[in-house]
């Protein structure tokens, strides 16, 4: 089909050039020979708003994966009534891989596109988070997609469960005051105060105007030494500390703990402790009334902050925060030491055990 000609030609052309220059090592060969060894896997899932134009328009979806030190890969993705998804194996390990999703209509015209960058580690799985936008008659504003003649369609974004997930709150399921955890571990939260679920132009999420939050009871599955916290948030005001996720009882009750928050000047900070705190953070303030995808990753030897898939700050540390005993708070200070409420909207929070 016509749309495959470009990507297929690119792949075949690269292979052909390599074969031709085998006797006189080309710059491309030098780059490829210096590339990291091994392959990894990418898991991609994009949720689609039901009853949106996407269901009527989209017929096929293609993912290309490219970088300077690898040959471009072209893969077909699966389309369902509610998602675009795929698992891609055999990706050469390395940094800064570009994942580009292209969605075509029945006439083979590209209608939606979105991209993100990520690192692929050998013998491991990387989870790709991105938003796709309509190309014709659209404007992307604060993560929402404005389509000509169709009104405002929420951003096609969701966090998906994988084998490492111990908690997932997409904030689209609620029973009474209970916020439901989709991970299967039963880490449901209790909404209180002014916290509520709302549906707006960007979809369904947690509204936090101040004076409320979500409390998740202490369980061993959330006492983590190594973890990845992913949160999509939209701050509307900065005042004092603005807690997104807090798992730390305070005082001498427990040596461990972890925190993800904004400060009063709009800087993003991540903290872990074992009696003493270590931290990572942004070097510049973020902007109010804007969506941010934040990832806080703690391994046995490092602590790293990503914002919108860009690596912002990383330190070497062996601090083990896994002895924390205390409830987990979303959008507020579980210790109630002072007013540290997050003010704005939270679309989703996911916690993985690494």
Protein backbone atom coordinates (compact mmCIF):
# COMPACT_ATOMS: atom_id res chain seq x y z
CA UNK A 1 0.00 0.00 0.00
CA UNK A 2 1.15 3.54 -0.69
CA UNK A 3 1.81 4.59 2.86
CA UNK A 4 4.39 1.84 3.36
CA UNK A 5 6.57 2.95 0.49
CA UNK A 6 8.36 5.71 2.35
CA UNK A 7 9.32 3.74 5.48
CA UNK A 8 10.08 0.55 3.56
CA UNK A 9 12.24 2.40 1.05
CA UNK A 10 14.15 4.01 3.91
CA UNK A 11 14.89 0.66 5.55
CA UNK A 12 15.86 -1.03 2.29
CA UNK A 13 18.01 1.94 1.26
CA UNK A 14 19.93 1.87 4.52
CA UNK A 15 20.59 -1.85 4.20
CA UNK A 16 21.67 -1.45 0.57
CA UNK A 17 24.13 1.34 1.44
CA UNK A 18 25.68 -0.76 4.18
CA UNK A 19 26.23 -3.67 1.82
CA UNK A 20 27.81 -1.42 -0.78
CA UNK A 21 30.26 0.15 1.65
CA UNK A 22 31.30 -2.96 3.52
CA UNK A 23 34.86 -2.65 2.26
CA UNK A 24 35.38 0.97 3.30
CA UNK A 25 33.69 1.59 6.62
CA UNK A 26 31.19 4.45 6.19
CA UNK A 27 30.20 6.96 8.89
CA UNK A 28 26.90 5.11 9.26
CA UNK A 29 28.75 1.84 9.83
CA UNK A 30 31.00 3.50 12.38
CA UNK A 31 27.97 4.72 14.30
CA UNK A 32 26.27 1.32 14.12
CA UNK A 33 29.39 -0.56 15.21
CA UNK A 34 29.67 1.69 18.28
CA UNK A 35 26.03 1.20 19.24
CA UNK A 36 25.13 -0.59 22.51
CA UNK A 37 24.69 -4.34 22.15
CA UNK A 38 21.52 -6.29 22.89
CA UNK A 39 17.87 -5.65 22.19
CA UNK A 40 14.87 -4.55 24.22
CA UNK A 41 11.08 -4.40 23.98
CA UNK A 42 8.68 -1.45 23.76
CA UNK A 43 5.11 -1.60 25.08
CA UNK A 44 2.86 1.11 23.63
CA UNK A 45 -0.82 1.76 24.35
CA UNK A 46 -2.79 4.91 23.59
CA UNK A 47 -6.32 5.11 24.93
CA UNK A 48 -8.92 6.65 22.62
CA UNK A 49 -12.01 8.51 23.75
CA UNK A 50 -15.11 6.51 22.87
CA UNK A 51 -17.56 7.98 20.36
CA UNK A 52 -14.90 10.41 19.11
CA UNK A 53 -14.14 10.98 15.40
CA UNK A 54 -11.09 8.74 15.80
CA UNK A 55 -13.22 5.57 15.63
CA UNK A 56 -14.76 6.61 12.32
CA UNK A 57 -11.53 7.89 10.76
CA UNK A 58 -8.73 5.52 11.78
CA UNK A 59 -8.15 2.33 9.78
CA UNK A 60 -4.46 1.48 10.16
CA UNK A 61 -1.63 2.57 12.48
CA UNK A 62 2.13 2.38 11.93
CA UNK A 63 4.99 2.84 14.40
CA UNK A 64 8.47 3.78 13.25
CA UNK A 65 11.43 3.58 15.63
CA UNK A 66 14.59 5.44 14.64
CA UNK A 67 17.89 6.81 15.95
CA UNK A 68 21.27 7.74 14.51
CA UNK A 69 22.87 4.47 15.61
CA UNK A 70 20.20 2.05 14.35
CA UNK A 71 18.33 1.17 11.16
CA UNK A 72 14.76 2.50 11.20
CA UNK A 73 12.17 -0.09 12.22
CA UNK A 74 8.61 -0.07 10.86
CA UNK A 75 5.84 -1.91 12.74
CA UNK A 76 2.07 -2.23 12.44
CA UNK A 77 -0.01 -1.40 15.52
CA UNK A 78 -3.39 -2.81 16.49
CA UNK A 79 -6.50 -0.63 16.41
CA UNK A 80 -9.49 -1.32 18.65
CA UNK A 81 -12.56 0.72 19.52
CA UNK A 82 -10.74 2.20 22.50
CA UNK A 83 -6.99 2.03 21.87
CA UNK A 84 -3.96 1.94 19.62
CA UNK A 85 -1.47 -0.58 20.94
CA UNK A 86 1.41 -2.89 20.20
CA UNK A 87 4.39 -4.72 21.66
CA UNK A 88 7.58 -4.35 19.62
CA UNK A 89 10.51 -6.67 20.24
CA UNK A 90 14.06 -6.71 18.91
CA UNK A 91 14.72 -2.96 19.25
CA UNK A 92 18.47 -2.22 19.35
CA UNK A 93 19.43 -1.03 22.82
CA UNK A 94 20.44 2.61 23.08
CA UNK A 95 19.44 6.11 24.06
CA UNK A 96 17.03 8.62 22.57
CA UNK A 97 15.01 6.32 20.30
CA UNK A 98 12.28 8.21 18.44
CA UNK A 99 8.88 6.46 18.52
CA UNK A 100 6.62 7.96 15.84
CA UNK A 101 2.97 6.82 15.53
CA UNK A 102 1.17 7.43 12.22
CA UNK A 103 -2.58 6.74 11.83
CA UNK A 104 -4.20 6.54 8.37
CA UNK A 105 -7.78 6.60 7.12
CA UNK A 106 -9.39 4.27 4.55
CA UNK A 107 -7.98 6.37 1.70
CA UNK A 108 -4.45 5.88 3.11
CA UNK A 109 -4.20 9.54 4.10
CA UNK A 110 -2.41 10.27 7.36
CA UNK A 111 -4.90 11.72 9.86
CA UNK A 112 -3.25 11.45 13.29
CA UNK A 113 0.35 11.59 14.41
CA UNK A 114 2.30 11.68 17.66
CA UNK A 115 5.85 10.99 18.81
CA UNK A 116 7.98 10.56 21.91
CA UNK A 117 11.57 9.67 22.72
CA UNK A 118 12.81 7.02 25.11
CA UNK A 119 15.84 4.91 26.02
CA UNK A 120 15.84 1.17 25.26
CA UNK A 121 17.78 -1.06 27.66
CA UNK A 122 18.87 -4.56 26.66
CA UNK A 123 16.66 -7.40 27.92
CA UNK A 124 14.07 -5.03 29.38
CA UNK A 125 10.77 -3.37 28.45
CA UNK A 126 10.28 0.37 27.95
CA UNK A 127 6.79 1.86 28.24
CA UNK A 128 6.07 4.64 25.75
CA UNK A 129 3.68 7.45 26.71
CA UNK A 130 2.59 9.86 23.99
CA UNK A 131 -0.35 11.87 22.69
CA UNK A 132 -1.53 11.71 19.07
CA UNK A 133 -3.23 14.71 17.45
CA UNK A 134 -5.43 15.12 14.37
CA UNK A 135 -3.41 16.66 11.54
CA UNK A 136 -6.24 18.23 9.53
CA UNK A 137 -8.08 21.20 11.01
CA UNK A 138 -6.63 20.83 14.50
CA UNK A 139 -4.91 22.80 17.19
CA UNK A 140 -3.37 21.14 20.24
CA UNK A 141 -4.00 23.33 23.28
CA UNK A 142 -2.96 22.25 26.78
CA UNK A 143 -3.16 18.60 25.81
CA UNK A 144 -6.66 18.82 24.29
CA UNK A 145 -7.33 18.23 20.60
CA UNK A 146 -9.58 20.73 18.85
CA UNK A 147 -11.11 19.23 15.71
CA UNK A 148 -12.85 21.29 13.04
CA UNK A 149 -16.60 20.75 13.22
CA UNK A 150 -16.42 18.30 16.13
CA UNK A 151 -15.93 20.44 19.22
CA UNK A 152 -13.22 19.59 21.73
CA UNK A 153 -11.99 16.02 22.01
CA UNK A 154 -10.00 14.96 25.08
CA UNK A 155 -6.34 14.12 24.64
CA UNK A 156 -5.85 10.46 23.74
CA UNK A 157 -3.68 9.48 26.68
CA UNK A 158 -3.76 6.81 29.38
CA UNK A 159 -1.39 4.87 31.60
CA UNK A 160 -1.44 1.09 31.11
CA UNK A 161 -0.86 -1.79 33.51
CA UNK A 162 2.20 -4.00 33.10
CA UNK A 163 3.84 -6.77 35.13
CA UNK A 164 5.59 -4.26 37.42
CA UNK A 165 2.53 -2.15 38.25
CA UNK A 166 1.48 -2.13 41.93
CA UNK A 167 -0.90 0.85 41.74
CA UNK A 168 -2.70 2.61 38.88
CA UNK A 169 -5.21 5.41 39.35
CA UNK A 170 -6.52 6.73 36.03
CA UNK A 171 -9.15 8.64 38.06
CA UNK A 172 -12.02 7.49 35.90
CA UNK A 173 -13.56 4.99 38.33
CA UNK A 174 -15.15 5.84 41.66
CA UNK A 175 -17.49 4.01 44.03
CA UNK A 176 -18.91 6.45 46.55
CA UNK A 177 -15.83 8.22 47.89
CA UNK A 178 -13.50 5.38 46.86
CA UNK A 179 -11.05 5.95 44.00
CA UNK A 180 -10.47 2.57 42.36
CA UNK A 181 -7.01 1.14 41.73
CA UNK A 182 -6.76 -0.62 38.33
CA UNK A 183 -3.56 -2.57 39.08
CA UNK A 184 -5.28 -5.58 40.65
CA UNK A 185 -3.52 -5.01 44.00
CA UNK A 186 -6.53 -3.32 45.55
CA UNK A 187 -4.75 -0.07 46.49
CA UNK A 188 -7.98 1.92 46.40
CA UNK A 189 -7.96 5.48 47.75
CA UNK A 190 -10.45 7.45 49.79
CA UNK A 191 -11.27 10.93 48.43
CA UNK A 192 -12.02 13.58 51.03
CA UNK A 193 -12.57 17.30 51.36
CA UNK A 194 -12.84 19.12 48.05
CA UNK A 195 -11.29 16.31 45.98
CA UNK A 196 -13.60 14.99 43.26
CA UNK A 197 -13.64 13.31 39.86
CA UNK A 198 -14.69 15.54 36.98
CA UNK A 199 -15.08 15.23 33.22
CA UNK A 200 -13.78 18.20 31.24
CA UNK A 201 -12.49 18.93 27.73
CA UNK A 202 -9.35 16.89 28.48
CA UNK A 203 -11.22 13.84 29.81
CA UNK A 204 -11.92 12.45 33.30
CA UNK A 205 -9.57 13.10 36.19
CA UNK A 206 -9.06 14.21 39.76
CA UNK A 207 -9.93 17.82 40.57
CA UNK A 208 -8.03 19.30 43.52
CA UNK A 209 -8.98 22.93 44.23
CA UNK A 210 -7.34 22.77 47.68
CA UNK A 211 -8.55 21.43 50.98
CA UNK A 212 -8.72 17.79 49.95
CA UNK A 213 -6.92 14.79 48.51
CA UNK A 214 -6.91 11.01 48.26
CA UNK A 215 -5.67 8.75 51.07
CA UNK A 216 -4.35 5.25 50.29
CA UNK A 217 -3.84 3.01 53.31
CA UNK A 218 -0.36 1.68 54.07
CA UNK A 219 0.35 -1.74 52.52
CA UNK A 220 3.56 -3.64 51.89
CA UNK A 221 3.18 -3.39 48.09
CA UNK A 222 3.70 0.38 48.36
CA UNK A 223 6.79 0.12 50.62
CA UNK A 224 9.24 0.27 47.76
CA UNK A 225 13.02 0.31 47.62
CA UNK A 226 13.16 0.73 43.84
CA UNK A 227 10.25 2.18 41.91
CA UNK A 228 8.95 4.29 39.05
CA UNK A 229 6.20 6.85 39.65
CA UNK A 230 4.48 8.28 36.58
CA UNK A 231 2.03 11.18 36.94
CA UNK A 232 0.22 13.41 34.45
CA UNK A 233 -0.67 16.67 36.19
CA UNK A 234 -2.00 20.16 35.46
CA UNK A 235 -1.11 22.70 38.18
CA UNK A 236 -3.29 25.81 38.42
CA UNK A 237 -1.62 27.44 41.45
CA UNK A 238 1.61 27.11 43.43
CA UNK A 239 1.55 27.65 47.19
CA UNK A 240 4.01 26.25 49.73
CA UNK A 241 4.72 22.60 48.87
CA UNK A 242 2.32 21.10 46.35
CA UNK A 243 2.33 17.35 46.94
CA UNK A 244 1.47 15.00 44.09
CA UNK A 245 2.45 11.74 45.82
CA UNK A 246 3.72 11.37 49.40
CA UNK A 247 4.60 8.13 51.21
CA UNK A 248 6.36 9.24 54.37
CA UNK A 249 4.98 9.23 57.93
CA UNK A 250 7.18 12.04 59.24
CA UNK A 251 9.09 12.28 62.49
CA UNK A 252 10.85 9.18 63.80
CA UNK A 253 8.04 6.75 62.98
CA UNK A 254 9.89 5.32 59.98
CA UNK A 255 13.27 5.98 58.35
CA UNK A 256 12.07 5.55 54.76
CA UNK A 257 9.91 7.54 52.39
CA UNK A 258 9.36 9.03 48.92
CA UNK A 259 7.76 12.26 47.66
CA UNK A 260 6.91 13.85 44.31
CA UNK A 261 5.86 17.51 44.45
CA UNK A 262 6.01 21.07 43.11
CA UNK A 263 7.44 23.80 45.34
CA UNK A 264 5.92 27.27 45.77
CA UNK A 265 7.97 28.64 42.84
CA UNK A 266 6.90 25.97 40.35
CA UNK A 267 9.95 23.69 40.48
CA UNK A 268 9.37 19.92 40.38
CA UNK A 269 11.14 17.86 43.06
CA UNK A 270 11.50 14.18 43.84
CA UNK A 271 12.73 12.95 47.23
CA UNK A 272 13.72 9.62 48.78
CA UNK A 273 15.06 9.03 52.25
CA UNK A 274 16.42 6.53 54.72
CA UNK A 275 16.64 8.88 57.71
CA UNK A 276 18.30 11.45 55.39
CA UNK A 277 16.71 12.92 52.26
CA UNK A 278 18.26 13.01 48.79
CA UNK A 279 16.54 14.81 45.93
CA UNK A 280 16.35 15.55 42.21
CA UNK A 281 14.59 18.50 40.61
CA UNK A 282 14.02 20.84 37.69
CA UNK A 283 16.41 23.76 37.17
CA UNK A 284 13.68 26.09 35.89
CA UNK A 285 10.09 26.67 36.93
CA UNK A 286 7.26 25.09 34.99
CA UNK A 287 4.22 26.97 33.69
CA UNK A 288 0.79 26.98 35.31
CA UNK A 289 -2.24 25.71 33.41
CA UNK A 290 -0.17 23.27 31.37
CA UNK A 291 -0.12 19.46 31.31
CA UNK A 292 3.10 17.73 32.42
CA UNK A 293 4.04 14.05 32.28
CA UNK A 294 6.42 13.42 35.20
CA UNK A 295 8.40 10.24 35.87
CA UNK A 296 10.41 9.66 39.04
CA UNK A 297 12.67 6.58 38.84
CA UNK A 298 14.57 5.07 41.77
CA UNK A 299 16.92 2.14 41.15
CA UNK A 300 19.44 0.47 43.44
CA UNK A 301 22.14 2.94 42.32
CA UNK A 302 20.40 6.04 40.91
CA UNK A 303 17.53 8.51 41.27
CA UNK A 304 16.22 10.22 38.12
CA UNK A 305 13.55 12.77 37.16
CA UNK A 306 11.96 12.95 33.69
CA UNK A 307 9.52 15.64 32.53
CA UNK A 308 7.64 15.13 29.25
CA UNK A 309 10.01 12.23 28.48
CA UNK A 310 13.11 14.48 28.80
CA UNK A 311 15.76 13.53 31.36
CA UNK A 312 15.93 16.53 33.71
CA UNK A 313 18.07 15.46 36.67
CA UNK A 314 19.82 12.31 37.88
CA UNK A 315 22.07 11.43 40.81
CA UNK A 316 23.91 8.36 42.00
CA UNK A 317 22.59 7.08 45.31
CA UNK A 318 22.18 3.82 47.20
CA UNK A 319 19.56 5.19 49.60
CA UNK A 320 16.88 2.56 50.26
CA UNK A 321 13.51 4.19 51.04
CA UNK A 322 11.67 0.86 51.30
CA UNK A 323 11.15 0.85 55.07
CA UNK A 324 8.48 3.56 55.00
CA UNK A 325 5.46 2.79 57.18
CA UNK A 326 2.52 5.12 56.69
CA UNK A 327 -0.35 5.97 54.40
CA UNK A 328 0.20 7.26 50.87
CA UNK A 329 -1.27 10.65 50.05
CA UNK A 330 -2.29 11.95 46.63
CA UNK A 331 -2.59 15.73 46.35
CA UNK A 332 -2.08 16.54 50.04
CA UNK A 333 0.29 16.14 53.01
CA UNK A 334 -0.43 12.86 54.80
CA UNK A 335 1.40 14.18 57.86
CA UNK A 336 -0.79 17.29 58.02
CA UNK A 337 2.23 19.28 59.19
CA UNK A 338 1.03 22.27 57.18
CA UNK A 339 -0.94 23.16 54.07
CA UNK A 340 0.87 21.31 51.29
CA UNK A 341 -2.02 20.63 48.91
CA UNK A 342 -1.58 20.24 45.18
CA UNK A 343 -3.94 22.64 43.40
CA UNK A 344 -5.04 21.67 39.90
CA UNK A 345 -5.92 18.44 38.09
CA UNK A 346 -4.36 14.98 38.05
CA UNK A 347 -5.16 12.82 35.03
CA UNK A 348 -3.39 9.62 36.14
CA UNK A 349 -0.79 8.21 38.55
CA UNK A 350 1.01 4.91 38.16
CA UNK A 351 3.49 3.24 40.52
CA UNK A 352 5.74 0.40 39.34
CA UNK A 353 7.99 -1.77 41.47
CA UNK A 354 11.44 -2.11 39.86
